[in-house]
Amino acid sequence: MIAPAKVRGQARVVDKQSYREAMSRLAAAVNIITTTGPGGTRGFTASAVCSVTDSPPTLLVCLNRNSDSNQALKDNGILCVNTLAAGQEDLSPVFAGMTGQEGEERFTVGAWSTLVTGAAVLEGAVASFDCRVIQTSEVGTHTVFFCEVEAVRSVAGQGLLYFARGYHTIG
């Protein structure tokens, strides 16, 4: 299906629903992002995570500005990206806010430890990137957090992907 863009001024603008539908066809790892510090302990599910550079090791995380985790991340200045393993699918809705659990209550599910920054590291995640936020940028409805990786942990296993509005495993 081709959804033509509408012309607004000189720029073509794709409508929100067509964009969201096309993005559902972009497979992405399922991640639980955690933070702790003066802004509180928070965690959320995210697929908008990617590598920026390996020198220095840096990644980015996108988060809606309306999320209660947004200000906490800004105040804390640290986060951990925990990439879920195939058997950890049940954590995704908890941290996506679909079960009614909020704040620290979400961390009663799963086993957690820490690495360097103090942000929660999920035991059994296929990869965990313990990071310090070095820059933010506001883009549309989201904040983009640029994060320098201070420690990593990875294990062999199948990863969890989100594609076409459903979970799939790869590995």
Protein backbone atom coordinates (compact mmCIF):
# COMPACT_ATOMS: atom_id res chain seq x y z
CA MET A 1 0.00 0.00 0.00
CA ILE A 2 1.39 3.41 -0.93
CA ALA A 3 0.32 6.32 1.22
CA PRO A 4 1.11 9.55 -0.59
CA ALA A 5 2.46 12.40 1.50
CA LYS A 6 0.49 15.62 1.77
CA VAL A 7 2.20 18.84 0.82
CA ARG A 8 2.57 21.38 3.64
CA GLY A 9 4.46 24.43 2.43
CA GLN A 10 7.39 22.99 0.49
CA ALA A 11 7.69 19.81 2.59
CA ARG A 12 5.77 16.60 2.11
CA VAL A 13 4.26 15.26 5.33
CA VAL A 14 3.34 11.59 5.73
CA ASP A 15 0.25 11.09 7.87
CA LYS A 16 0.75 9.64 11.35
CA GLN A 17 -1.20 6.40 10.79
CA SER A 18 0.62 5.50 7.56
CA TYR A 19 3.95 6.18 9.25
CA ARG A 20 3.04 4.04 12.28
CA GLU A 21 1.87 1.19 10.06
CA ALA A 22 5.11 1.23 8.07
CA MET A 23 7.18 1.41 11.28
CA SER A 24 5.41 -1.72 12.56
CA ARG A 25 7.24 -3.51 9.74
CA LEU A 26 10.64 -2.40 11.05
CA ALA A 27 11.82 -5.19 13.34
CA ALA A 28 13.39 -3.97 16.56
CA ALA A 29 14.88 -5.48 19.70
CA VAL A 30 12.69 -5.22 22.79
CA ASN A 31 14.49 -3.37 25.58
CA ILE A 32 13.78 -2.43 29.17
CA ILE A 33 15.40 0.91 29.97
CA THR A 34 16.09 1.55 33.65
CA THR A 35 17.26 4.55 35.66
CA THR A 36 17.72 5.45 39.31
CA GLY A 37 18.89 8.44 41.28
CA PRO A 38 17.52 11.77 42.53
CA GLY A 39 14.75 11.66 39.89
CA GLY A 40 13.52 8.30 41.19
CA THR A 41 13.70 4.70 40.05
CA ARG A 42 11.93 4.13 36.76
CA GLY A 43 11.85 1.64 33.92
CA PHE A 44 10.10 1.48 30.57
CA THR A 45 9.89 -0.70 27.47
CA ALA A 46 11.51 0.71 24.34
CA SER A 47 12.29 -0.41 20.82
CA ALA A 48 13.72 2.97 19.74
CA VAL A 49 17.33 2.22 20.68
CA CYS A 50 20.33 2.12 18.37
CA SER A 51 24.09 2.43 18.19
CA VAL A 52 25.55 5.83 17.36
CA THR A 53 29.29 5.05 17.35
CA ASP A 54 31.77 2.60 18.85
CA SER A 55 34.42 5.23 19.55
CA PRO A 56 33.49 6.16 22.20
CA PRO A 57 30.78 3.50 22.61
CA THR A 58 27.55 5.51 22.37
CA LEU A 59 23.92 4.65 21.79
CA LEU A 60 20.66 6.54 21.68
CA VAL A 61 17.31 5.97 23.33
CA CYS A 62 14.09 7.74 22.34
CA LEU A 63 11.37 8.39 24.92
CA ASN A 64 8.05 10.22 24.70
CA ARG A 65 8.20 13.52 26.58
CA ASN A 66 4.87 12.68 28.29
CA SER A 67 6.33 9.57 29.93
CA ASP A 68 6.84 9.77 33.70
CA SER A 69 10.30 8.28 33.05
CA ASN A 70 11.38 11.23 30.89
CA GLN A 71 12.10 13.73 33.67
CA ALA A 72 13.55 10.97 35.87
CA LEU A 73 16.05 10.10 33.13
CA LYS A 74 17.00 13.75 32.71
CA ASP A 75 17.40 14.22 36.49
CA ASN A 76 19.34 10.97 37.02
CA GLY A 77 21.65 11.23 34.00
CA ILE A 78 22.15 7.46 33.87
CA LEU A 79 20.36 4.52 32.29
CA CYS A 80 20.77 0.87 31.44
CA VAL A 81 19.48 -0.63 28.20
CA ASN A 82 18.52 -4.26 28.86
CA THR A 83 17.86 -6.20 25.64
CA LEU A 84 15.33 -8.92 26.39
CA ALA A 85 15.94 -12.61 25.79
CA ALA A 86 13.29 -14.80 24.19
CA GLY A 87 12.00 -16.04 27.57
CA GLN A 88 11.54 -12.54 29.00
CA GLU A 89 8.53 -11.45 26.91
CA ASP A 90 6.35 -11.16 30.03
CA LEU A 91 8.44 -8.19 31.26
CA SER A 92 7.60 -6.04 28.23
CA PRO A 93 3.97 -5.23 29.16
CA VAL A 94 4.94 -4.61 32.81
CA PHE A 95 7.44 -1.92 31.83
CA ALA A 96 5.16 -0.61 29.05
CA GLY A 97 2.63 0.32 31.74
CA MET A 98 0.04 -2.22 30.62
CA THR A 99 -0.30 -4.04 33.97
CA GLY A 100 -0.93 -1.14 36.35
CA GLN A 101 2.45 -1.48 38.05
CA GLU A 102 4.22 1.88 38.42
CA GLY A 103 7.69 3.14 39.41
CA GLU A 104 9.69 0.83 41.65
CA GLU A 105 6.82 -1.70 41.75
CA ARG A 106 7.76 -2.79 38.21
CA PHE A 107 11.07 -4.11 39.52
CA THR A 108 9.31 -6.80 41.58
CA VAL A 109 9.22 -8.75 38.30
CA GLY A 110 12.54 -10.20 37.12
CA ALA A 111 15.92 -10.47 38.85
CA TRP A 112 18.02 -7.30 38.99
CA SER A 113 21.58 -6.29 39.81
CA THR A 114 23.82 -3.31 38.92
CA LEU A 115 27.06 -2.67 37.07
CA VAL A 116 28.84 0.73 37.14
CA THR A 117 26.19 3.49 37.19
CA GLY A 118 23.74 1.93 39.64
CA ALA A 119 20.92 1.60 37.08
CA ALA A 120 19.13 -1.75 37.24
CA VAL A 121 20.60 -4.54 35.10
CA LEU A 122 18.24 -7.38 34.18
CA GLU A 123 19.63 -10.84 34.86
CA GLY A 124 19.37 -13.06 31.76
CA ALA A 125 19.09 -10.17 29.27
CA VAL A 126 21.01 -10.98 26.08
CA ALA A 127 22.78 -7.64 26.44
CA SER A 128 22.91 -4.82 28.99
CA PHE A 129 24.45 -1.43 28.26
CA ASP A 130 25.12 0.59 31.40
CA CYS A 131 25.30 4.25 30.34
CA ARG A 132 25.73 7.88 31.30
CA VAL A 133 23.56 10.41 29.42
CA ILE A 134 25.86 12.87 27.64
CA GLN A 135 23.36 14.84 25.55
CA THR A 136 19.64 15.17 24.89
CA SER A 137 17.69 16.55 21.96
CA GLU A 138 13.98 17.30 21.77
CA VAL A 139 12.47 16.08 18.48
CA GLY A 140 8.70 16.25 17.96
CA THR A 141 6.98 14.36 20.78
CA HIS A 142 10.17 12.65 21.98
CA THR A 143 13.45 13.25 23.76
CA VAL A 144 16.48 11.58 22.21
CA PHE A 145 19.00 10.59 24.89
CA PHE A 146 22.58 10.14 23.68
CA CYS A 147 24.35 7.82 26.10
CA GLU A 148 27.99 6.87 26.53
CA VAL A 149 28.35 3.21 27.49
CA GLU A 150 30.36 2.68 30.68
CA ALA A 151 29.89 -1.09 31.03
CA VAL A 152 28.37 -3.95 29.04
CA ARG A 153 27.29 -7.47 29.77
CA SER A 154 26.12 -9.95 27.15
CA VAL A 155 25.20 -13.63 27.11
CA ALA A 156 24.49 -16.15 24.38
CA GLY A 157 20.84 -16.83 23.66
CA GLN A 158 17.88 -15.91 21.54
CA GLY A 159 16.79 -12.27 21.49
CA LEU A 160 13.26 -10.91 21.50
CA LEU A 161 12.09 -8.80 18.55
CA TYR A 162 8.94 -6.78 17.98
CA PHE A 163 7.64 -6.91 14.40
CA ALA A 164 4.17 -6.39 12.88
CA ARG A 165 2.76 -5.68 16.36
CA GLY A 166 3.90 -9.03 17.75
CA TYR A 167 6.86 -10.68 19.50
CA HIS A 168 9.29 -12.95 17.65
CA THR A 169 12.53 -14.63 18.63
CA ILE A 170 15.83 -14.59 16.80
CA GLY A 171 19.18 -16.11 17.53
